[in-house]
Amino acid sequence: MNSRCLIGIFPRAKDHRSSIAGRQIDATWKAQLNIENIFNKGYWASADGNNNISPGEPRTFRFKVTAKL
């Protein structure tokens, strides 16, 4: 079985990422909240070859603030 088949069988990382909210606060500041693996389910992040399958991360919250200077 090759990696293309494995990727088709198992749920992948792209199915478990979500950008919840992003907001431009003013002309300078922007805030964004991202949650990965929102339902905290097991998934395979990648499949490279027959014996190298990487499990995905557990539920992860990320809050990002950026400033345009």
Protein backbone atom coordinates (compact mmCIF):
# COMPACT_ATOMS: atom_id res chain seq x y z
CA MET A 1 0.00 0.00 0.00
CA ASN A 2 1.44 3.41 -0.88
CA SER A 3 1.01 6.78 0.84
CA ARG A 4 -1.65 7.92 -1.62
CA CYS A 5 -3.86 5.05 -0.52
CA LEU A 6 -3.24 5.73 3.17
CA ILE A 7 -4.16 9.37 2.80
CA GLY A 8 -7.43 8.38 1.17
CA ILE A 9 -8.34 5.97 3.99
CA PHE A 10 -7.54 7.93 7.15
CA PRO A 11 -8.90 11.34 8.21
CA ARG A 12 -6.33 14.07 7.60
CA ALA A 13 -5.19 17.27 9.29
CA LYS A 14 -7.01 19.52 6.83
CA ASP A 15 -10.31 18.13 8.11
CA HIS A 16 -9.53 19.23 11.67
CA ARG A 17 -8.47 22.90 11.35
CA SER A 18 -10.70 25.89 11.76
CA SER A 19 -10.25 29.62 11.88
CA ILE A 20 -12.93 30.65 14.36
CA ALA A 21 -12.72 34.42 14.36
CA GLY A 22 -10.57 37.14 12.87
CA ARG A 23 -11.15 40.80 13.46
CA GLN A 24 -9.53 44.03 12.38
CA ILE A 25 -9.56 46.03 15.62
CA ASP A 26 -8.42 49.28 14.02
CA ALA A 27 -6.05 50.38 11.24
CA THR A 28 -3.05 49.03 13.17
CA TRP A 29 -4.22 45.96 15.12
CA LYS A 30 -5.75 42.64 14.06
CA ALA A 31 -6.71 39.66 16.27
CA GLN A 32 -7.42 36.06 15.23
CA LEU A 33 -8.48 32.88 17.05
CA ASN A 34 -7.69 29.46 15.54
CA ILE A 35 -8.64 26.04 16.89
CA GLU A 36 -7.06 22.88 15.53
CA ASN A 37 -8.75 19.53 16.09
CA ILE A 38 -11.81 21.24 17.58
CA PHE A 39 -13.51 17.93 18.51
CA ASN A 40 -10.26 16.45 19.90
CA LYS A 41 -10.49 13.37 17.64
CA GLY A 42 -7.56 11.21 16.56
CA TYR A 43 -6.35 11.81 13.02
CA TRP A 44 -3.27 11.27 10.86
CA ALA A 45 -1.34 14.46 10.08
CA SER A 46 0.68 12.87 7.28
CA ALA A 47 1.47 9.57 5.60
CA ASP A 48 4.88 9.36 3.91
CA GLY A 49 5.52 5.87 2.64
CA ASN A 50 4.28 2.55 3.97
CA ASN A 51 5.68 2.83 7.49
CA ASN A 52 5.80 6.53 8.35
CA ILE A 53 2.37 7.68 9.51
CA SER A 54 2.33 10.67 11.87
CA PRO A 55 -0.52 11.18 14.35
CA GLY A 56 -2.03 14.65 14.61
CA GLU A 57 -1.91 17.01 17.55
CA PRO A 58 -4.61 17.14 20.23
CA ARG A 59 -7.01 20.11 20.45
CA THR A 60 -4.99 23.31 20.17
CA PHE A 61 -6.09 26.91 20.69
CA ARG A 62 -4.07 29.73 19.13
CA PHE A 63 -4.67 33.41 19.62
CA LYS A 64 -2.75 35.79 17.40
CA VAL A 65 -2.47 39.57 17.54
CA THR A 66 -0.66 41.44 14.78
CA ALA A 67 0.26 45.08 14.38
CA LYS A 68 0.85 46.86 11.10
CA LEU A 69 3.61 49.38 11.70
